[in-house]
Amino acid sequence: MPRENAMTTLCYLERDNSYLMLHRVKKEKDVNRDKWIGIGGHFEGTESPEECLLRECREETGLTLTSYRYRGLVTFIYDGRAEYMSLFTADAWTGQMHDCDEGQLEWVKKNEIGQLNLWEGDRIFFDLLERNQAFFSLKLVYDVDGRLLEAALDGKRLAYDPAVGTGER
């Protein structure tokens, strides 16, 4: 029987040409173990993407977002199930940052993110964010070992080579 699909948020806070990244090193049984990702998590109850984003940001960082932008929907296919991830960026907040129980929070310069241990598909959406792409739908299909098998942007398959990045559409 297929497992239930998930709805999640993911957000990258921006400051001084850097993103706030979460190095997932604290949970043993974690599909994101040792990866660098943004902050976010699973929807609860009847939350909208924005409500989930605000709650997850407060829980994981202690910060309250005051300016954020919904950038795209990422359909993440892994191990026979889909995760529908609402992708945001944020550029203003209030409060004091605290430690996160899911990993280590760190500001990373945008031009250094490519050197981190990322999901391969994240490299595609970082490129879209950098080019200030209008709202997009990105589908990423992975095998059970976490290798990117297929990527499609706005319904059109991308030529993708992990050594090079995105190719011609």
N, C-alpha and C. Protein backbone atom coordinates (compact mmCIF):
# COMPACT_ATOMS: atom_id res chain seq x y z
N MET A 1 0.85 -1.18 0.00
CA MET A 1 0.00 0.00 0.00
C MET A 1 0.90 1.25 0.00
N PRO A 2 0.66 2.21 -0.89
CA PRO A 2 1.50 3.41 -0.93
C PRO A 2 1.32 4.23 0.33
N ARG A 3 2.42 4.86 0.74
CA ARG A 3 2.38 5.74 1.89
C ARG A 3 1.76 7.07 1.50
N GLU A 4 1.23 7.76 2.51
CA GLU A 4 0.60 9.06 2.28
C GLU A 4 1.63 10.08 1.80
N ASN A 5 1.23 10.91 0.86
CA ASN A 5 2.10 11.97 0.39
C ASN A 5 2.17 13.07 1.44
N ALA A 6 3.25 13.83 1.43
CA ALA A 6 3.47 14.86 2.43
C ALA A 6 3.40 16.25 1.82
N MET A 7 3.00 17.20 2.64
CA MET A 7 3.04 18.61 2.25
C MET A 7 3.95 19.31 3.25
N THR A 8 4.95 20.03 2.72
CA THR A 8 5.95 20.67 3.57
C THR A 8 6.27 22.08 3.07
N THR A 9 7.01 22.80 3.90
CA THR A 9 7.56 24.08 3.49
C THR A 9 9.08 24.01 3.61
N LEU A 10 9.74 24.87 2.86
CA LEU A 10 11.18 25.03 2.95
C LEU A 10 11.46 26.50 2.69
N CYS A 11 12.30 27.11 3.54
CA CYS A 11 12.57 28.54 3.41
C CYS A 11 14.05 28.82 3.58
N TYR A 12 14.53 29.75 2.79
CA TYR A 12 15.90 30.24 2.90
C TYR A 12 15.85 31.71 3.29
N LEU A 13 16.31 32.01 4.51
CA LEU A 13 16.42 33.39 4.95
C LEU A 13 17.65 33.99 4.29
N GLU A 14 17.51 35.23 3.78
CA GLU A 14 18.60 35.90 3.06
C GLU A 14 19.12 37.09 3.85
N ARG A 15 20.45 37.18 3.97
CA ARG A 15 21.09 38.32 4.63
C ARG A 15 22.53 38.42 4.12
N ASP A 16 22.94 39.62 3.73
CA ASP A 16 24.33 39.88 3.32
C ASP A 16 24.83 38.87 2.29
N ASN A 17 24.02 38.63 1.25
CA ASN A 17 24.36 37.71 0.16
C ASN A 17 24.61 36.28 0.66
N SER A 18 23.93 35.93 1.75
CA SER A 18 24.02 34.60 2.34
C SER A 18 22.62 34.05 2.58
N TYR A 19 22.53 32.73 2.69
CA TYR A 19 21.30 32.05 3.09
C TYR A 19 21.55 31.39 4.45
N LEU A 20 20.50 31.37 5.28
CA LEU A 20 20.55 30.60 6.51
C LEU A 20 20.30 29.15 6.14
N MET A 21 21.27 28.30 6.44
CA MET A 21 21.20 26.88 6.09
C MET A 21 21.15 26.06 7.37
N LEU A 22 20.52 24.90 7.26
CA LEU A 22 20.41 23.96 8.37
C LEU A 22 21.17 22.70 7.98
N HIS A 23 22.26 22.42 8.71
CA HIS A 23 23.03 21.19 8.47
C HIS A 23 22.40 20.11 9.34
N ARG A 24 21.75 19.14 8.70
CA ARG A 24 20.95 18.13 9.41
C ARG A 24 21.87 17.05 9.98
N VAL A 25 22.28 17.23 11.21
CA VAL A 25 23.23 16.30 11.83
C VAL A 25 22.76 15.75 13.17
N LYS A 26 21.58 16.12 13.65
CA LYS A 26 21.17 15.74 15.00
C LYS A 26 20.26 14.53 15.10
N LYS A 27 19.58 14.15 14.02
CA LYS A 27 18.68 13.00 14.05
C LYS A 27 19.29 11.84 13.27
N GLU A 28 19.29 10.65 13.88
CA GLU A 28 19.86 9.48 13.21
C GLU A 28 19.01 9.02 12.03
N LYS A 29 17.72 8.84 12.23
CA LYS A 29 16.81 8.37 11.18
C LYS A 29 16.23 9.59 10.47
N ASP A 30 16.96 10.13 9.52
CA ASP A 30 16.57 11.38 8.86
C ASP A 30 16.93 11.27 7.39
N VAL A 31 15.94 11.37 6.49
CA VAL A 31 16.21 11.30 5.06
C VAL A 31 17.19 12.40 4.64
N ASN A 32 17.24 13.49 5.40
CA ASN A 32 18.14 14.60 5.10
C ASN A 32 19.46 14.54 5.89
N ARG A 33 19.73 13.43 6.55
CA ARG A 33 20.93 13.29 7.39
C ARG A 33 22.18 13.75 6.63
N ASP A 34 22.96 14.65 7.26
CA ASP A 34 24.22 15.20 6.75
C ASP A 34 24.04 16.17 5.56
N LYS A 35 22.81 16.40 5.12
CA LYS A 35 22.55 17.36 4.04
C LYS A 35 22.41 18.77 4.62
N TRP A 36 22.61 19.75 3.77
CA TRP A 36 22.37 21.16 4.09
C TRP A 36 21.09 21.56 3.39
N ILE A 37 20.12 22.04 4.16
CA ILE A 37 18.83 22.44 3.60
C ILE A 37 18.41 23.76 4.25
N GLY A 38 17.24 24.23 3.89
CA GLY A 38 16.67 25.41 4.54
C GLY A 38 15.88 24.98 5.76
N ILE A 39 15.14 25.92 6.32
CA ILE A 39 14.28 25.61 7.46
C ILE A 39 12.89 25.30 6.95
N GLY A 40 12.14 24.57 7.73
CA GLY A 40 10.78 24.24 7.33
C GLY A 40 10.37 22.90 7.87
N GLY A 41 9.22 22.43 7.39
CA GLY A 41 8.75 21.14 7.86
C GLY A 41 7.36 20.83 7.36
N HIS A 42 6.75 19.84 7.99
CA HIS A 42 5.44 19.32 7.58
C HIS A 42 4.29 20.20 8.05
N PHE A 43 3.28 20.30 7.19
CA PHE A 43 2.04 20.98 7.55
C PHE A 43 1.41 20.27 8.73
N GLU A 44 0.74 21.03 9.59
CA GLU A 44 -0.04 20.47 10.69
C GLU A 44 -1.49 20.88 10.52
N GLY A 45 -2.39 19.94 10.75
CA GLY A 45 -3.83 20.24 10.71
C GLY A 45 -4.25 20.90 9.42
N THR A 46 -4.86 22.07 9.54
CA THR A 46 -5.40 22.79 8.38
C THR A 46 -4.53 23.98 7.98
N GLU A 47 -3.23 23.92 8.28
CA GLU A 47 -2.34 25.03 7.95
C GLU A 47 -2.25 25.29 6.46
N SER A 48 -2.13 26.56 6.11
CA SER A 48 -1.78 26.97 4.76
C SER A 48 -0.25 26.91 4.66
N PRO A 49 0.30 27.00 3.43
CA PRO A 49 1.76 27.04 3.32
C PRO A 49 2.38 28.16 4.15
N GLU A 50 1.75 29.33 4.15
CA GLU A 50 2.30 30.47 4.88
C GLU A 50 2.25 30.24 6.39
N GLU A 51 1.16 29.65 6.88
CA GLU A 51 1.05 29.37 8.32
C GLU A 51 2.09 28.34 8.75
N CYS A 52 2.29 27.32 7.94
CA CYS A 52 3.31 26.31 8.22
C CYS A 52 4.69 26.96 8.24
N LEU A 53 4.97 27.78 7.24
CA LEU A 53 6.25 28.47 7.15
C LEU A 53 6.53 29.27 8.42
N LEU A 54 5.57 30.09 8.83
CA LEU A 54 5.77 30.96 10.00
C LEU A 54 5.98 30.14 11.27
N ARG A 55 5.18 29.08 11.46
CA ARG A 55 5.33 28.23 12.64
C ARG A 55 6.68 27.53 12.65
N GLU A 56 7.04 26.91 11.52
CA GLU A 56 8.30 26.17 11.45
C GLU A 56 9.50 27.10 11.67
N CYS A 57 9.44 28.30 11.12
CA CYS A 57 10.54 29.25 11.30
C CYS A 57 10.70 29.60 12.79
N ARG A 58 9.57 29.89 13.45
CA ARG A 58 9.63 30.19 14.90
C ARG A 58 10.20 29.01 15.68
N GLU A 59 9.71 27.79 15.36
CA GLU A 59 10.16 26.61 16.10
C GLU A 59 11.64 26.32 15.88
N GLU A 60 12.10 26.42 14.64
CA GLU A 60 13.47 26.01 14.33
C GLU A 60 14.51 27.09 14.57
N THR A 61 14.10 28.37 14.52
CA THR A 61 15.10 29.44 14.64
C THR A 61 14.82 30.42 15.77
N GLY A 62 13.57 30.52 16.22
CA GLY A 62 13.19 31.54 17.18
C GLY A 62 12.81 32.86 16.53
N LEU A 63 12.90 32.93 15.21
CA LEU A 63 12.63 34.17 14.47
C LEU A 63 11.19 34.20 13.96
N THR A 64 10.63 35.40 13.88
CA THR A 64 9.30 35.62 13.31
C THR A 64 9.49 36.35 11.99
N LEU A 65 9.12 35.72 10.90
CA LEU A 65 9.29 36.34 9.58
C LEU A 65 8.33 37.51 9.43
N THR A 66 8.84 38.61 8.86
CA THR A 66 8.01 39.79 8.59
C THR A 66 7.96 40.12 7.10
N SER A 67 8.84 39.49 6.29
CA SER A 67 8.83 39.68 4.85
C SER A 67 9.34 38.40 4.20
N TYR A 68 8.46 37.78 3.42
CA TYR A 68 8.82 36.52 2.76
C TYR A 68 8.10 36.45 1.42
N ARG A 69 8.60 35.55 0.57
CA ARG A 69 8.06 35.42 -0.79
C ARG A 69 7.93 33.95 -1.14
N TYR A 70 6.76 33.56 -1.63
CA TYR A 70 6.50 32.20 -2.09
C TYR A 70 7.14 32.09 -3.47
N ARG A 71 8.15 31.23 -3.62
CA ARG A 71 8.94 31.19 -4.84
C ARG A 71 8.55 30.06 -5.79
N GLY A 72 8.09 28.93 -5.23
CA GLY A 72 7.76 27.83 -6.11
C GLY A 72 7.24 26.62 -5.37
N LEU A 73 6.76 25.67 -6.15
CA LEU A 73 6.31 24.39 -5.62
C LEU A 73 7.26 23.32 -6.15
N VAL A 74 7.85 22.57 -5.24
CA VAL A 74 8.77 21.50 -5.61
C VAL A 74 8.11 20.17 -5.29
N THR A 75 7.91 19.35 -6.32
CA THR A 75 7.38 18.00 -6.14
C THR A 75 8.59 17.09 -6.05
N PHE A 76 8.79 16.53 -4.88
CA PHE A 76 9.97 15.75 -4.55
C PHE A 76 9.53 14.29 -4.46
N ILE A 77 9.96 13.45 -5.44
CA ILE A 77 9.58 12.05 -5.49
C ILE A 77 10.75 11.21 -4.99
N TYR A 78 10.48 10.40 -3.93
CA TYR A 78 11.53 9.61 -3.32
C TYR A 78 10.91 8.37 -2.69
N ASP A 79 11.45 7.20 -2.98
CA ASP A 79 11.04 5.96 -2.35
C ASP A 79 9.53 5.70 -2.50
N GLY A 80 9.00 5.98 -3.69
CA GLY A 80 7.62 5.66 -3.98
C GLY A 80 6.57 6.60 -3.43
N ARG A 81 6.97 7.76 -2.96
CA ARG A 81 5.98 8.72 -2.46
C ARG A 81 6.36 10.12 -2.90
N ALA A 82 5.39 11.01 -2.81
CA ALA A 82 5.60 12.40 -3.22
C ALA A 82 5.55 13.32 -2.01
N GLU A 83 6.41 14.30 -2.02
CA GLU A 83 6.37 15.39 -1.05
C GLU A 83 6.18 16.66 -1.86
N TYR A 84 5.15 17.42 -1.50
CA TYR A 84 4.87 18.69 -2.18
C TYR A 84 5.39 19.80 -1.28
N MET A 85 6.48 20.41 -1.71
CA MET A 85 7.22 21.35 -0.88
C MET A 85 7.03 22.78 -1.39
N SER A 86 6.46 23.62 -0.55
CA SER A 86 6.31 25.04 -0.87
C SER A 86 7.62 25.74 -0.52
N LEU A 87 8.25 26.32 -1.52
CA LEU A 87 9.58 26.93 -1.37
C LEU A 87 9.45 28.44 -1.20
N PHE A 88 10.06 28.96 -0.15
CA PHE A 88 10.02 30.39 0.16
C PHE A 88 11.43 30.94 0.33
N THR A 89 11.55 32.26 0.18
CA THR A 89 12.70 33.00 0.66
C THR A 89 12.16 34.10 1.56
N ALA A 90 12.99 34.55 2.49
CA ALA A 90 12.60 35.61 3.42
C ALA A 90 13.75 36.59 3.57
N ASP A 91 13.40 37.87 3.72
CA ASP A 91 14.46 38.87 3.86
C ASP A 91 14.27 39.81 5.06
N ALA A 92 13.29 39.53 5.92
CA ALA A 92 13.13 40.34 7.14
C ALA A 92 12.45 39.50 8.21
N TRP A 93 12.85 39.73 9.46
CA TRP A 93 12.32 38.98 10.60
C TRP A 93 12.61 39.76 11.87
N THR A 94 11.99 39.30 12.95
CA THR A 94 12.24 39.86 14.27
C THR A 94 12.61 38.71 15.20
N GLY A 95 13.18 39.05 16.35
CA GLY A 95 13.51 38.05 17.35
C GLY A 95 14.99 37.71 17.36
N GLN A 96 15.33 36.82 18.25
CA GLN A 96 16.71 36.35 18.41
C GLN A 96 16.79 34.89 18.00
N MET A 97 17.78 34.56 17.19
CA MET A 97 17.94 33.19 16.74
C MET A 97 18.41 32.31 17.89
N HIS A 98 17.84 31.10 17.96
CA HIS A 98 18.27 30.12 18.95
C HIS A 98 18.74 28.85 18.25
N ASP A 99 19.32 27.94 19.01
CA ASP A 99 19.77 26.66 18.44
C ASP A 99 18.57 25.86 17.95
N CYS A 100 18.81 25.02 16.97
CA CYS A 100 17.77 24.18 16.38
C CYS A 100 18.02 22.73 16.79
N ASP A 101 16.96 22.04 17.21
CA ASP A 101 17.12 20.64 17.64
C ASP A 101 17.22 19.67 16.46
N GLU A 102 17.14 20.17 15.23
CA GLU A 102 17.23 19.29 14.06
C GLU A 102 18.59 19.35 13.37
N GLY A 103 19.41 20.32 13.75
CA GLY A 103 20.72 20.44 13.13
C GLY A 103 21.37 21.75 13.50
N GLN A 104 22.45 22.06 12.81
CA GLN A 104 23.23 23.27 13.07
C GLN A 104 22.84 24.36 12.07
N LEU A 105 22.39 25.51 12.57
CA LEU A 105 22.06 26.66 11.71
C LEU A 105 23.33 27.44 11.42
N GLU A 106 23.50 27.82 10.15
CA GLU A 106 24.71 28.56 9.77
C GLU A 106 24.41 29.44 8.56
N TRP A 107 24.92 30.68 8.58
CA TRP A 107 24.83 31.56 7.42
C TRP A 107 25.91 31.15 6.44
N VAL A 108 25.50 30.88 5.19
CA VAL A 108 26.44 30.44 4.15
C VAL A 108 26.34 31.40 2.97
N LYS A 109 27.48 31.90 2.52
CA LYS A 109 27.51 32.77 1.34
C LYS A 109 26.92 32.02 0.15
N LYS A 110 26.12 32.72 -0.63
CA LYS A 110 25.45 32.09 -1.76
C LYS A 110 26.44 31.44 -2.73
N ASN A 111 27.57 32.07 -2.94
CA ASN A 111 28.55 31.51 -3.89
C ASN A 111 29.31 30.30 -3.33
N GLU A 112 29.07 29.94 -2.06
CA GLU A 112 29.72 28.77 -1.46
C GLU A 112 28.75 27.60 -1.27
N ILE A 113 27.48 27.82 -1.54
CA ILE A 113 26.48 26.78 -1.30
C ILE A 113 26.72 25.55 -2.17
N GLY A 114 27.20 25.74 -3.38
CA GLY A 114 27.46 24.61 -4.28
C GLY A 114 28.49 23.63 -3.75
N GLN A 115 29.29 24.03 -2.78
CA GLN A 115 30.32 23.16 -2.21
C GLN A 115 29.77 22.28 -1.08
N LEU A 116 28.53 22.54 -0.66
CA LEU A 116 27.93 21.80 0.45
C LEU A 116 27.33 20.49 -0.02
N ASN A 117 27.06 19.60 0.92
CA ASN A 117 26.37 18.34 0.66
C ASN A 117 24.88 18.64 0.54
N LEU A 118 24.40 18.79 -0.70
CA LEU A 118 23.01 19.13 -1.00
C LEU A 118 22.36 17.99 -1.75
N TRP A 119 21.03 17.95 -1.71
CA TRP A 119 20.30 17.14 -2.68
C TRP A 119 20.60 17.74 -4.06
N GLU A 120 20.81 16.91 -5.06
CA GLU A 120 21.15 17.43 -6.39
C GLU A 120 20.08 18.37 -6.94
N GLY A 121 18.82 18.06 -6.70
CA GLY A 121 17.75 18.92 -7.19
C GLY A 121 17.76 20.30 -6.55
N ASP A 122 18.29 20.40 -5.32
CA ASP A 122 18.38 21.71 -4.67
C ASP A 122 19.27 22.65 -5.49
N ARG A 123 20.26 22.09 -6.15
CA ARG A 123 21.14 22.92 -6.99
C ARG A 123 20.33 23.58 -8.11
N ILE A 124 19.32 22.87 -8.60
CA ILE A 124 18.47 23.42 -9.66
C ILE A 124 17.66 24.58 -9.11
N PHE A 125 17.00 24.39 -7.95
CA PHE A 125 16.18 25.50 -7.48
C PHE A 125 17.02 26.65 -6.94
N PHE A 126 18.25 26.39 -6.46
CA PHE A 126 19.12 27.52 -6.09
C PHE A 126 19.45 28.35 -7.32
N ASP A 127 19.65 27.70 -8.46
CA ASP A 127 19.90 28.42 -9.71
C ASP A 127 18.67 29.26 -10.09
N LEU A 128 17.48 28.68 -9.94
CA LEU A 128 16.25 29.42 -10.24
C LEU A 128 16.08 30.63 -9.31
N LEU A 129 16.39 30.43 -8.03
CA LEU A 129 16.31 31.55 -7.08
C LEU A 129 17.31 32.63 -7.45
N GLU A 130 18.51 32.22 -7.80
CA GLU A 130 19.55 33.20 -8.14
C GLU A 130 19.17 34.01 -9.37
N ARG A 131 18.48 33.37 -10.33
CA ARG A 131 18.05 34.08 -11.54
C ARG A 131 16.73 34.80 -11.34
N ASN A 132 16.22 34.79 -10.09
CA ASN A 132 14.97 35.45 -9.74
C ASN A 132 13.82 34.98 -10.63
N GLN A 133 13.82 33.67 -10.89
CA GLN A 133 12.77 33.04 -11.71
C GLN A 133 11.40 33.36 -11.10
N ALA A 134 10.44 33.65 -11.96
CA ALA A 134 9.06 33.83 -11.51
C ALA A 134 8.61 32.52 -10.86
N PHE A 135 7.47 32.54 -10.19
CA PHE A 135 6.96 31.36 -9.50
C PHE A 135 7.08 30.14 -10.42
N PHE A 136 7.60 29.05 -9.89
CA PHE A 136 7.87 27.88 -10.71
C PHE A 136 7.38 26.61 -10.04
N SER A 137 7.20 25.59 -10.88
CA SER A 137 6.90 24.24 -10.42
C SER A 137 8.05 23.36 -10.87
N LEU A 138 8.70 22.72 -9.91
CA LEU A 138 9.86 21.89 -10.18
C LEU A 138 9.58 20.48 -9.66
N LYS A 139 9.72 19.49 -10.53
CA LYS A 139 9.55 18.10 -10.13
C LYS A 139 10.92 17.43 -10.12
N LEU A 140 11.24 16.77 -9.01
CA LEU A 140 12.53 16.10 -8.84
C LEU A 140 12.26 14.65 -8.46
N VAL A 141 12.79 13.73 -9.26
CA VAL A 141 12.59 12.30 -9.01
C VAL A 141 13.93 11.68 -8.64
N TYR A 142 13.94 11.02 -7.47
CA TYR A 142 15.16 10.40 -6.94
C TYR A 142 14.98 8.90 -6.84
N ASP A 143 16.10 8.16 -6.93
CA ASP A 143 16.05 6.73 -6.64
C ASP A 143 16.21 6.53 -5.13
N VAL A 144 16.14 5.28 -4.67
CA VAL A 144 16.19 5.01 -3.23
C VAL A 144 17.56 5.31 -2.62
N ASP A 145 18.57 5.49 -3.46
CA ASP A 145 19.90 5.85 -2.97
C ASP A 145 20.12 7.36 -2.97
N GLY A 146 19.08 8.12 -3.33
CA GLY A 146 19.18 9.58 -3.30
C GLY A 146 19.79 10.21 -4.54
N ARG A 147 19.89 9.44 -5.62
CA ARG A 147 20.41 10.01 -6.87
C ARG A 147 19.27 10.60 -7.68
N LEU A 148 19.50 11.78 -8.22
CA LEU A 148 18.49 12.44 -9.04
C LEU A 148 18.38 11.72 -10.38
N LEU A 149 17.16 11.27 -10.69
CA LEU A 149 16.91 10.55 -11.94
C LEU A 149 16.30 11.44 -13.00
N GLU A 150 15.48 12.39 -12.56
CA GLU A 150 14.72 13.21 -13.51
C GLU A 150 14.38 14.54 -12.86
N ALA A 151 14.34 15.58 -13.69
CA ALA A 151 13.92 16.90 -13.23
C ALA A 151 13.07 17.53 -14.32
N ALA A 152 12.00 18.21 -13.90
CA ALA A 152 11.13 18.91 -14.86
C ALA A 152 10.78 20.26 -14.27
N LEU A 153 10.87 21.30 -15.09
CA LEU A 153 10.54 22.66 -14.69
C LEU A 153 9.30 23.09 -15.44
N ASP A 154 8.27 23.47 -14.69
CA ASP A 154 7.00 23.91 -15.27
C ASP A 154 6.49 22.91 -16.31
N GLY A 155 6.60 21.62 -15.97
CA GLY A 155 6.08 20.55 -16.81
C GLY A 155 6.97 20.12 -17.96
N LYS A 156 8.13 20.75 -18.12
CA LYS A 156 9.05 20.40 -19.21
C LYS A 156 10.31 19.76 -18.64
N ARG A 157 10.61 18.58 -19.13
CA ARG A 157 11.78 17.85 -18.63
C ARG A 157 13.05 18.65 -18.87
N LEU A 158 13.90 18.67 -17.86
CA LEU A 158 15.20 19.33 -17.97
C LEU A 158 16.26 18.31 -18.33
N ALA A 159 17.16 18.70 -19.21
CA ALA A 159 18.36 17.90 -19.41
C ALA A 159 19.22 18.18 -18.18
N TYR A 160 19.58 17.13 -17.45
CA TYR A 160 20.30 17.35 -16.21
C TYR A 160 21.51 16.44 -16.12
N ASP A 161 22.64 17.01 -15.84
CA ASP A 161 23.87 16.27 -15.61
C ASP A 161 24.41 16.76 -14.28
N PRO A 162 24.47 15.89 -13.24
CA PRO A 162 24.92 16.33 -11.93
C PRO A 162 26.30 17.00 -11.94
N ALA A 163 27.15 16.64 -12.89
CA ALA A 163 28.47 17.25 -12.96
C ALA A 163 28.42 18.67 -13.51
N VAL A 164 27.36 18.98 -14.25
CA VAL A 164 27.28 20.28 -14.94
C VAL A 164 26.15 21.14 -14.37
N GLY A 165 25.07 20.52 -13.96
CA GLY A 165 23.89 21.27 -13.53
C GLY A 165 22.82 21.19 -14.59
N THR A 166 21.95 22.17 -14.60
CA THR A 166 20.86 22.13 -15.57
C THR A 166 21.39 22.39 -16.97
N GLY A 167 20.73 21.76 -17.91
CA GLY A 167 21.08 21.95 -19.31
C GLY A 167 19.98 22.72 -20.00
N GLU A 168 19.94 22.62 -21.31
CA GLU A 168 18.93 23.31 -22.09
C GLU A 168 17.56 22.73 -21.81
N ARG A 169 16.54 23.57 -21.82
CA ARG A 169 15.16 23.12 -21.61
C ARG A 169 14.52 22.93 -22.95
